Amino acid sequence: MSGVMKPPLRTSRSAALGVGGIVSVALLTGCGDDGSSGAGSADRSASQGQPQSSPTQVVQATNKKTTQAKTARIKLATTVEAGGNSETITGSGVLDLQDGTSRMRLGQGGQQLEQRIVNQVLYQKPPAASGQLPEGKSWMKVDLQRLNRSQGTGGPAMSDPANSFAYTKSLSEKDVRKVGEDTVNGVSTTHYRVDLDLSKLAEGDSAQERKLRAQLGDNVPVDLWIDEDGLTRRQQIRMTVKDAAQTGGAGTSARQAQAKVVMDFSGFGTEVDVAAPPSADTVDMTDKVSRQSGTSSQTN
């Protein structure tokens, strides 16, 4: 794609890019405080002469292990396919694995923008020549908590790293399987696949389950590449999202888009020092993003 980068928050396809990143963070941090016995040492049990951990135990343990590393460098690639078209955004930066604070440079079609997440608020600084912002403003702002409330996801919040994907605490053996051995960025890892059970994620709330299926599709496979220390080195999520972009002319009806988010983690313990942009430089886009998702957001 040539020319100016498409506004990353203009369509639901692009919204999926952000959601994918949030989901990835949530997966890593959702069980960081789980103190269930055996979780912290499951990945080393074999070397201590104990029975080898099951895939489910390893996946449960990696959430705690990785969160305990506190911070990491990340590389991101998000691809969304819809209507025969494919768009990919790549990025790199740093991430606080415990609260989701991050700073990234995102690129698409030769153009780049800066993105920050601070206190569950997303900030994006598009190219100056894009004309996306009012005069005197340089940053878009999306309040992820407010967006989450407007979408009615009041259970395990998609944008709340402290609560999201707590399903890992109740995984059954049928939900996780070992795929094989792989090398990720020079590190030996074991590849596991989790078949995300949305009914468990909804915690028995049928309305919540319907909303999650509408957001993510019926099948949400999550692939994890875990090293010998129990740290997640790569995470891949596939989901189906509603593409409601209005482009004019024929074919403007909503359709399904397939999204794949791949995040690589390295440099655990790296410094993460991220501040929100000055409020005078930001314009709040939360309501606009909410409307593009087929909902209405209540302004605080």
Protein backbone atom coordinates (compact mmCIF):
# COMPACT_ATOMS: atom_id res chain seq x y z
CA MET A 1 0.00 0.00 0.00
CA SER A 2 1.41 3.40 -0.98
CA GLY A 3 0.73 6.95 0.15
CA VAL A 4 -0.44 8.07 3.57
CA MET A 5 -1.17 5.33 6.07
CA LYS A 6 -4.87 4.71 6.48
CA PRO A 7 -6.19 6.10 9.77
CA PRO A 8 -5.64 3.21 12.20
CA LEU A 9 -8.89 3.94 14.05
CA ARG A 10 -11.11 4.78 11.07
CA THR A 11 -12.60 1.37 10.33
CA SER A 12 -13.57 -1.66 12.33
CA ARG A 13 -10.87 -3.55 10.42
CA SER A 14 -8.32 -1.21 11.92
CA ALA A 15 -10.03 -1.32 15.29
CA ALA A 16 -9.34 -5.04 15.22
CA LEU A 17 -5.64 -4.26 15.12
CA GLY A 18 -5.87 -2.45 18.40
CA VAL A 19 -8.16 -5.04 19.96
CA GLY A 20 -5.72 -7.76 18.98
CA GLY A 21 -2.89 -6.05 20.76
CA ILE A 22 -5.00 -5.53 23.85
CA VAL A 23 -6.05 -9.17 23.86
CA SER A 24 -2.41 -10.22 23.62
CA VAL A 25 -1.48 -8.13 26.64
CA ALA A 26 -4.49 -9.45 28.52
CA LEU A 27 -3.56 -13.04 27.87
CA LEU A 28 -0.18 -12.51 29.46
CA THR A 29 -1.39 -10.57 32.47
CA GLY A 30 -4.76 -12.15 33.23
CA CYS A 31 -3.35 -14.72 35.65
CA GLY A 32 -0.36 -12.86 36.99
CA ASP A 33 -1.69 -12.96 40.54
CA ASP A 34 -2.76 -16.58 40.49
CA GLY A 35 -1.09 -18.24 43.45
CA SER A 36 -2.35 -21.76 42.87
CA SER A 37 0.10 -24.39 43.98
CA GLY A 38 2.53 -25.69 41.42
CA ALA A 39 2.04 -22.90 38.88
CA GLY A 40 5.37 -21.23 39.50
CA SER A 41 7.40 -24.41 39.18
CA ALA A 42 5.47 -26.47 36.65
CA ASP A 43 7.91 -25.75 33.84
CA ARG A 44 10.86 -27.13 35.85
CA SER A 45 9.19 -30.21 37.34
CA ALA A 46 10.75 -32.65 34.88
CA SER A 47 14.30 -31.53 35.67
CA GLN A 48 13.59 -32.06 39.38
CA GLY A 49 12.58 -35.66 38.84
CA GLN A 50 8.87 -35.00 39.22
CA PRO A 51 6.25 -36.13 36.68
CA GLN A 52 6.34 -34.01 33.55
CA SER A 53 3.80 -31.19 33.53
CA SER A 54 0.77 -31.46 31.28
CA PRO A 55 0.28 -28.88 28.49
CA THR A 56 -2.45 -27.25 30.57
CA GLN A 57 -0.13 -26.87 33.57
CA VAL A 58 2.61 -25.37 31.40
CA VAL A 59 0.23 -22.81 29.88
CA GLN A 60 -1.14 -21.90 33.30
CA ALA A 61 2.39 -21.46 34.61
CA THR A 62 3.60 -19.25 31.76
CA ASN A 63 1.11 -16.52 32.59
CA LYS A 64 2.58 -16.16 36.07
CA LYS A 65 6.18 -16.63 34.93
CA THR A 66 5.96 -14.08 32.13
CA THR A 67 4.12 -11.53 34.25
CA GLN A 68 6.77 -11.86 36.95
CA ALA A 69 9.35 -10.74 34.37
CA LYS A 70 7.55 -7.36 34.66
CA THR A 71 8.57 -5.86 31.31
CA ALA A 72 9.72 -6.87 27.82
CA ARG A 73 10.53 -5.66 24.36
CA ILE A 74 7.84 -6.59 21.85
CA LYS A 75 7.43 -6.97 18.11
CA LEU A 76 3.92 -7.00 16.68
CA ALA A 77 2.44 -8.04 13.36
CA THR A 78 -1.32 -7.78 12.86
CA THR A 79 -2.93 -8.85 9.60
CA VAL A 80 -6.61 -8.34 8.77
CA GLU A 81 -8.17 -9.93 5.68
CA ALA A 82 -11.61 -8.97 4.36
CA GLY A 83 -13.26 -8.94 0.95
CA GLY A 84 -10.16 -10.28 -0.76
CA ASN A 85 -8.00 -7.49 0.66
CA SER A 86 -5.26 -7.82 3.26
CA GLU A 87 -3.77 -5.16 5.50
CA THR A 88 -0.80 -5.62 7.82
CA ILE A 89 0.51 -3.36 10.56
CA THR A 90 3.88 -4.10 12.14
CA GLY A 91 5.38 -2.55 15.22
CA SER A 92 7.98 -2.71 17.94
CA GLY A 93 8.45 -1.19 21.36
CA VAL A 94 8.33 -1.91 25.07
CA LEU A 95 5.57 -3.29 27.29
CA ASP A 96 4.82 -3.47 31.00
CA LEU A 97 3.54 -7.04 31.37
CA GLN A 98 1.74 -6.28 34.61
CA ASP A 99 -0.43 -3.28 33.77
CA GLY A 100 -0.33 -3.07 29.97
CA THR A 101 1.53 0.24 29.72
CA SER A 102 3.35 0.33 26.39
CA ARG A 103 5.10 2.45 23.80
CA MET A 104 5.31 1.33 20.17
CA ARG A 105 6.14 2.50 16.67
CA LEU A 106 3.61 1.08 14.21
CA GLY A 107 4.17 0.93 10.47
CA GLN A 108 2.00 0.33 7.42
CA GLY A 109 2.77 0.98 3.77
CA GLY A 110 6.00 2.84 4.46
CA GLN A 111 4.38 5.23 6.96
CA GLN A 112 4.66 5.15 10.73
CA LEU A 113 2.85 6.39 13.80
CA GLU A 114 3.60 6.38 17.51
CA GLN A 115 1.29 4.58 19.94
CA ARG A 116 1.18 4.64 23.72
CA ILE A 117 -1.09 2.94 26.25
CA VAL A 118 -1.11 4.56 29.69
CA ASN A 119 -3.64 3.80 32.44
CA GLN A 120 -5.76 1.86 29.91
CA VAL A 121 -5.99 4.85 27.58
CA LEU A 122 -4.76 4.41 24.01
CA TYR A 123 -2.94 7.31 22.32
CA GLN A 124 -1.93 7.36 18.66
CA LYS A 125 0.05 10.06 16.84
CA PRO A 126 -0.64 9.78 13.09
CA PRO A 127 1.61 11.27 10.40
CA ALA A 128 1.37 15.07 10.42
CA ALA A 129 0.36 15.17 6.74
CA SER A 130 -2.56 12.76 7.16
CA GLY A 131 -5.07 15.47 8.04
CA GLN A 132 -6.81 13.19 10.54
CA LEU A 133 -6.79 15.57 13.50
CA PRO A 134 -8.17 19.05 14.20
CA GLU A 135 -5.75 21.93 13.98
CA GLY A 136 -3.53 22.15 17.05
CA LYS A 137 -3.98 18.48 17.96
CA SER A 138 -1.35 15.82 17.37
CA TRP A 139 -2.66 12.76 19.26
CA MET A 140 -5.82 10.61 19.05
CA LYS A 141 -7.11 9.35 22.40
CA VAL A 142 -9.29 6.28 23.02
CA ASP A 143 -10.38 5.47 26.58
CA LEU A 144 -10.33 1.67 26.53
CA GLN A 145 -12.32 1.29 29.75
CA ARG A 146 -15.07 3.59 28.48
CA LEU A 147 -15.07 1.84 25.12
CA ASN A 148 -15.37 -1.48 26.91
CA ARG A 149 -18.36 -0.28 28.93
CA SER A 150 -20.08 1.10 25.84
CA GLN A 151 -19.78 -2.29 24.18
CA GLY A 152 -21.42 -3.96 27.14
CA THR A 153 -18.49 -6.23 27.97
CA GLY A 154 -18.92 -5.80 31.68
CA GLY A 155 -17.57 -9.22 32.61
CA PRO A 156 -13.95 -10.11 31.82
CA ALA A 157 -13.04 -6.77 30.25
CA MET A 158 -11.18 -7.04 26.96
CA SER A 159 -9.20 -3.91 27.79
CA ASP A 160 -8.47 -4.71 31.44
CA PRO A 161 -5.20 -6.64 31.83
CA ALA A 162 -6.01 -7.33 35.47
CA ASN A 163 -9.17 -9.31 34.66
CA SER A 164 -9.00 -10.50 31.07
CA PHE A 165 -8.61 -14.13 30.15
CA ALA A 166 -8.74 -15.47 33.67
CA TYR A 167 -9.99 -18.60 31.89
CA THR A 168 -6.47 -20.01 32.20
CA LYS A 169 -7.16 -20.78 35.85
CA SER A 170 -9.84 -23.30 34.88
CA LEU A 171 -8.46 -24.82 31.68
CA SER A 172 -9.22 -28.49 31.16
CA GLU A 173 -6.86 -30.91 29.48
CA LYS A 174 -8.96 -30.86 26.31
CA ASP A 175 -8.43 -27.10 25.92
CA VAL A 176 -4.64 -27.24 25.49
CA ARG A 177 -2.36 -29.40 23.37
CA LYS A 178 1.32 -29.53 22.59
CA VAL A 179 2.05 -28.87 18.91
CA GLY A 180 5.83 -29.37 18.75
CA GLU A 181 9.26 -27.81 19.21
CA ASP A 182 10.27 -24.56 17.47
CA THR A 183 13.01 -21.95 17.55
CA VAL A 184 11.74 -18.39 17.98
CA ASN A 185 14.28 -15.60 17.40
CA GLY A 186 17.10 -17.97 18.29
CA VAL A 187 15.44 -19.32 21.44
CA SER A 188 14.31 -22.95 21.77
CA THR A 189 10.61 -23.15 22.61
CA THR A 190 7.70 -25.55 22.85
CA HIS A 191 4.60 -24.66 20.84
CA TYR A 192 1.19 -25.05 22.51
CA ARG A 193 -2.31 -24.34 21.22
CA VAL A 194 -5.21 -23.21 23.41
CA ASP A 195 -8.75 -23.51 22.10
CA LEU A 196 -10.32 -20.55 23.83
CA ASP A 197 -13.59 -21.53 25.51
CA LEU A 198 -15.75 -18.42 25.32
CA SER A 199 -18.41 -19.91 27.58
CA LYS A 200 -15.80 -20.20 30.35
CA LEU A 201 -14.56 -16.69 29.61
CA ALA A 202 -18.13 -15.40 30.01
CA GLU A 203 -18.32 -17.09 33.42
CA GLY A 204 -21.80 -18.52 32.79
CA ASP A 205 -23.32 -15.24 31.57
CA SER A 206 -25.12 -16.17 28.34
CA ALA A 207 -25.55 -12.55 27.23
CA GLN A 208 -21.87 -11.92 27.81
CA GLU A 209 -21.00 -15.03 25.85
CA ARG A 210 -23.06 -13.82 22.89
CA LYS A 211 -21.26 -10.48 22.95
CA LEU A 212 -17.86 -12.16 23.05
CA ARG A 213 -18.77 -14.39 20.11
CA ALA A 214 -19.93 -11.31 18.20
CA GLN A 215 -16.61 -9.62 18.94
CA LEU A 216 -14.22 -12.51 18.41
CA GLY A 217 -16.06 -15.23 16.48
CA ASP A 218 -16.87 -18.75 17.64
CA ASN A 219 -13.35 -20.13 17.33
CA VAL A 220 -10.41 -18.25 18.87
CA PRO A 221 -7.25 -20.38 18.74
CA VAL A 222 -4.36 -19.00 20.79
CA ASP A 223 -0.85 -20.31 20.06
CA LEU A 224 1.95 -19.92 22.60
CA TRP A 225 5.67 -20.58 22.19
CA ILE A 226 7.15 -21.09 25.66
CA ASP A 227 10.87 -21.34 26.49
CA GLU A 228 12.56 -23.66 29.00
CA ASP A 229 12.17 -21.05 31.76
CA GLY A 230 8.42 -20.93 31.25
CA LEU A 231 8.43 -17.51 29.56
CA THR A 232 6.21 -16.81 26.57
CA ARG A 233 8.40 -15.90 23.58
CA ARG A 234 5.67 -15.71 20.96
CA GLN A 235 1.91 -15.46 21.07
CA GLN A 236 -0.47 -15.74 18.13
CA ILE A 237 -4.20 -15.08 18.20
CA ARG A 238 -6.68 -15.63 15.38
CA MET A 239 -10.16 -14.17 15.52
CA THR A 240 -13.10 -13.19 13.35
CA VAL A 241 -14.31 -9.61 13.61
CA LYS A 242 -17.18 -7.70 12.05
CA ASP A 243 -15.99 -5.43 9.23
CA ALA A 244 -18.53 -2.62 9.15
CA ALA A 245 -16.44 -0.13 7.16
CA GLN A 246 -18.54 2.10 4.95
CA THR A 247 -16.59 2.72 1.77
CA GLY A 248 -19.43 3.86 -0.49
CA GLY A 249 -20.97 2.17 -3.50
CA ALA A 250 -21.60 -1.53 -3.69
CA GLY A 251 -20.42 -3.93 -1.07
CA THR A 252 -20.83 -1.60 1.89
CA SER A 253 -22.76 -4.08 4.02
CA ALA A 254 -21.08 -5.54 7.05
CA ARG A 255 -18.94 -8.60 6.44
CA GLN A 256 -16.55 -10.76 8.38
CA ALA A 257 -12.84 -10.01 8.60
CA GLN A 258 -10.18 -12.46 9.72
CA ALA A 259 -7.54 -11.06 12.06
CA LYS A 260 -4.22 -12.59 13.09
CA VAL A 261 -2.06 -10.99 15.78
CA VAL A 262 1.50 -12.20 16.40
CA MET A 263 3.54 -10.79 19.28
CA ASP A 264 7.20 -11.67 19.96
CA PHE A 265 8.74 -11.03 23.40
CA SER A 266 12.40 -10.54 24.31
CA GLY A 267 14.60 -8.44 26.56
CA PHE A 268 12.64 -9.26 29.69
CA GLY A 269 13.24 -6.68 32.44
CA THR A 270 13.91 -3.84 30.01
CA GLU A 271 13.04 -0.31 31.20
CA VAL A 272 9.53 0.91 30.37
CA ASP A 273 9.10 4.65 30.94
CA VAL A 274 5.94 5.86 29.21
CA ALA A 275 3.95 9.04 29.84
CA ALA A 276 0.64 10.20 28.40
CA PRO A 277 0.84 13.10 25.91
CA PRO A 278 -0.22 16.54 27.21
CA SER A 279 -4.01 16.70 27.31
CA ALA A 280 -4.00 19.91 25.24
CA ASP A 281 -2.44 17.93 22.36
CA THR A 282 -5.07 15.15 22.30
CA VAL A 283 -8.52 14.72 20.77
CA ASP A 284 -10.87 12.10 22.23
CA MET A 285 -11.94 9.56 19.57
CA THR A 286 -13.62 7.09 21.94
CA ASP A 287 -17.17 7.83 20.79
CA LYS A 288 -16.19 7.63 17.12
CA VAL A 289 -14.53 4.25 17.57
CA SER A 290 -17.53 3.05 19.57
CA ARG A 291 -19.94 4.07 16.78
CA GLN A 292 -17.79 2.31 14.19
CA SER A 293 -18.13 -0.82 16.30
CA GLY A 294 -21.91 -0.54 16.12
CA THR A 295 -22.35 0.84 19.62
CA SER A 296 -22.75 4.19 21.33
CA SER A 297 -20.45 5.36 24.08
CA GLN A 298 -21.57 7.43 27.02
CA THR A 299 -19.38 10.45 27.57
CA ASN A 300 -18.05 10.84 31.08
